[in-house]
Amino acid sequence: MDMFAPEQRERTELYREKREFSPIMEKQIVDRLAQGQETFPDIITCPTKSCRNPLTVKNEKKYLDIACGNCGWTKRIYKQKKDGG
């Protein structure tokens, strides 16, 4: 298999796009943690094109901190209050 084949590059790029932090990925993280899961099993990559390292997700009481240890990119997502309380 040629590593530089266009088909292989396309599959690799599609995989990276699916794992890159995005608004869709943000919603998945919030939804899974709101359901009571303690961790997010998927590897999420940094949205900085020159970095693409895995991000860490810290689950705090009122928010989630998502950060890249390599380039310093960060995002804070506030959790939604549960209905009725």
C-alpha atoms as a PDB file:
ATOM      1  CA  MET A   1       0.000   0.000   0.000  1.00  0.00           C
ATOM      2  CA  ASP A   2       1.416   3.322  -1.049  1.00  0.00           C
ATOM      3  CA  MET A   3       1.438   5.735   1.878  1.00  0.00           C
ATOM      4  CA  PHE A   4       1.077   8.671  -0.478  1.00  0.00           C
ATOM      5  CA  ALA A   5      -1.905   7.269  -2.378  1.00  0.00           C
ATOM      6  CA  PRO A   6      -4.744   9.816  -2.666  1.00  0.00           C
ATOM      7  CA  GLU A   7      -7.296   7.336  -1.295  1.00  0.00           C
ATOM      8  CA  GLN A   8      -5.232   6.721   1.843  1.00  0.00           C
ATOM      9  CA  ARG A   9      -4.709  10.449   2.429  1.00  0.00           C
ATOM     10  CA  GLU A  10      -8.452  11.054   2.055  1.00  0.00           C
ATOM     11  CA  ARG A  11      -9.344   8.355   4.614  1.00  0.00           C
ATOM     12  CA  THR A  12      -6.752   9.727   7.038  1.00  0.00           C
ATOM     13  CA  GLU A  13      -8.025  13.288   6.637  1.00  0.00           C
ATOM     14  CA  LEU A  14     -11.662  12.240   7.140  1.00  0.00           C
ATOM     15  CA  TYR A  15     -10.698  10.416  10.355  1.00  0.00           C
ATOM     16  CA  ARG A  16      -8.862  13.496  11.648  1.00  0.00           C
ATOM     17  CA  GLU A  17     -11.819  15.755  10.856  1.00  0.00           C
ATOM     18  CA  LYS A  18     -14.172  13.468  12.788  1.00  0.00           C
ATOM     19  CA  ARG A  19     -11.928  13.597  15.877  1.00  0.00           C
ATOM     20  CA  GLU A  20     -11.138  17.328  15.750  1.00  0.00           C
ATOM     21  CA  PHE A  21     -12.808  19.533  18.355  1.00  0.00           C
ATOM     22  CA  SER A  22     -15.908  21.160  16.873  1.00  0.00           C
ATOM     23  CA  PRO A  23     -19.352  22.343  17.997  1.00  0.00           C
ATOM     24  CA  ILE A  24     -20.693  18.841  17.272  1.00  0.00           C
ATOM     25  CA  MET A  25     -17.963  17.252  19.374  1.00  0.00           C
ATOM     26  CA  GLU A  26     -18.636  19.824  22.127  1.00  0.00           C
ATOM     27  CA  LYS A  27     -22.302  18.780  22.238  1.00  0.00           C
ATOM     28  CA  GLN A  28     -21.352  15.090  22.385  1.00  0.00           C
ATOM     29  CA  ILE A  29     -19.034  15.706  25.328  1.00  0.00           C
ATOM     30  CA  VAL A  30     -21.646  17.685  27.269  1.00  0.00           C
ATOM     31  CA  ASP A  31     -24.394  15.150  26.520  1.00  0.00           C
ATOM     32  CA  ARG A  32     -22.346  12.129  27.563  1.00  0.00           C
ATOM     33  CA  LEU A  33     -21.137  13.710  30.785  1.00  0.00           C
ATOM     34  CA  ALA A  34     -24.682  14.943  31.573  1.00  0.00           C
ATOM     35  CA  GLN A  35     -25.904  11.350  31.269  1.00  0.00           C
ATOM     36  CA  GLY A  36     -23.655  10.412  34.155  1.00  0.00           C
ATOM     37  CA  GLN A  37     -20.616   9.104  32.321  1.00  0.00           C
ATOM     38  CA  GLU A  38     -17.467  10.032  34.199  1.00  0.00           C
ATOM     39  CA  THR A  39     -15.189  10.051  31.177  1.00  0.00           C
ATOM     40  CA  PHE A  40     -15.310  10.728  27.458  1.00  0.00           C
ATOM     41  CA  PRO A  41     -13.786   7.678  25.719  1.00  0.00           C
ATOM     42  CA  ASP A  42     -12.950   9.189  22.316  1.00  0.00           C
ATOM     43  CA  ILE A  43      -9.673  10.925  21.593  1.00  0.00           C
ATOM     44  CA  ILE A  44     -10.334  14.535  20.635  1.00  0.00           C
ATOM     45  CA  THR A  45      -7.649  16.406  18.743  1.00  0.00           C
ATOM     46  CA  CYS A  46      -6.691  20.048  18.982  1.00  0.00           C
ATOM     47  CA  PRO A  47      -8.417  22.282  16.407  1.00  0.00           C
ATOM     48  CA  THR A  48      -5.158  24.169  15.779  1.00  0.00           C
ATOM     49  CA  LYS A  49      -4.060  22.852  12.372  1.00  0.00           C
ATOM     50  CA  SER A  50      -0.353  22.936  13.195  1.00  0.00           C
ATOM     51  CA  CYS A  51      -0.837  21.073  16.499  1.00  0.00           C
ATOM     52  CA  ARG A  52      -3.486  18.311  16.339  1.00  0.00           C
ATOM     53  CA  ASN A  53      -2.435  16.803  19.677  1.00  0.00           C
ATOM     54  CA  PRO A  54      -4.990  15.055  21.909  1.00  0.00           C
ATOM     55  CA  LEU A  55      -6.964  17.352  24.213  1.00  0.00           C
ATOM     56  CA  THR A  56      -7.640  16.803  27.899  1.00  0.00           C
ATOM     57  CA  VAL A  57     -11.140  17.199  29.318  1.00  0.00           C
ATOM     58  CA  LYS A  58     -11.454  18.129  33.001  1.00  0.00           C
ATOM     59  CA  ASN A  59     -14.923  17.678  34.437  1.00  0.00           C
ATOM     60  CA  GLU A  60     -15.467  20.374  37.081  1.00  0.00           C
ATOM     61  CA  LYS A  61     -18.687  20.962  39.040  1.00  0.00           C
ATOM     62  CA  LYS A  62     -20.109  23.818  36.921  1.00  0.00           C
ATOM     63  CA  TYR A  63     -18.052  23.595  33.738  1.00  0.00           C
ATOM     64  CA  LEU A  64     -15.752  21.520  31.549  1.00  0.00           C
ATOM     65  CA  ASP A  65     -12.223  22.653  30.807  1.00  0.00           C
ATOM     66  CA  ILE A  66     -10.844  21.399  27.498  1.00  0.00           C
ATOM     67  CA  ALA A  67      -7.169  22.115  26.890  1.00  0.00           C
ATOM     68  CA  CYS A  68      -4.204  21.241  24.708  1.00  0.00           C
ATOM     69  CA  GLY A  69      -1.012  20.635  26.644  1.00  0.00           C
ATOM     70  CA  ASN A  70       1.127  21.291  23.579  1.00  0.00           C
ATOM     71  CA  CYS A  71       0.005  24.626  22.103  1.00  0.00           C
ATOM     72  CA  GLY A  72      -2.004  26.040  25.020  1.00  0.00           C
ATOM     73  CA  TRP A  73      -5.417  26.140  23.285  1.00  0.00           C
ATOM     74  CA  THR A  74      -8.250  26.118  25.864  1.00  0.00           C
ATOM     75  CA  LYS A  75     -12.037  26.149  25.905  1.00  0.00           C
ATOM     76  CA  ARG A  76     -14.388  26.364  28.897  1.00  0.00           C
ATOM     77  CA  ILE A  77     -17.885  24.963  28.471  1.00  0.00           C
ATOM     78  CA  TYR A  78     -20.442  25.742  31.146  1.00  0.00           C
ATOM     79  CA  LYS A  79     -22.818  22.921  32.016  1.00  0.00           C
ATOM     80  CA  GLN A  80     -26.536  23.438  31.614  1.00  0.00           C
ATOM     81  CA  LYS A  81     -28.644  23.456  34.772  1.00  0.00           C
ATOM     82  CA  LYS A  82     -30.900  20.447  35.126  1.00  0.00           C
ATOM     83  CA  ASP A  83     -34.639  21.108  34.823  1.00  0.00           C
ATOM     84  CA  GLY A  84     -36.538  21.274  38.087  1.00  0.00           C
ATOM     85  CA  GLY A  85     -33.596  22.069  40.264  1.00  0.00           C
END
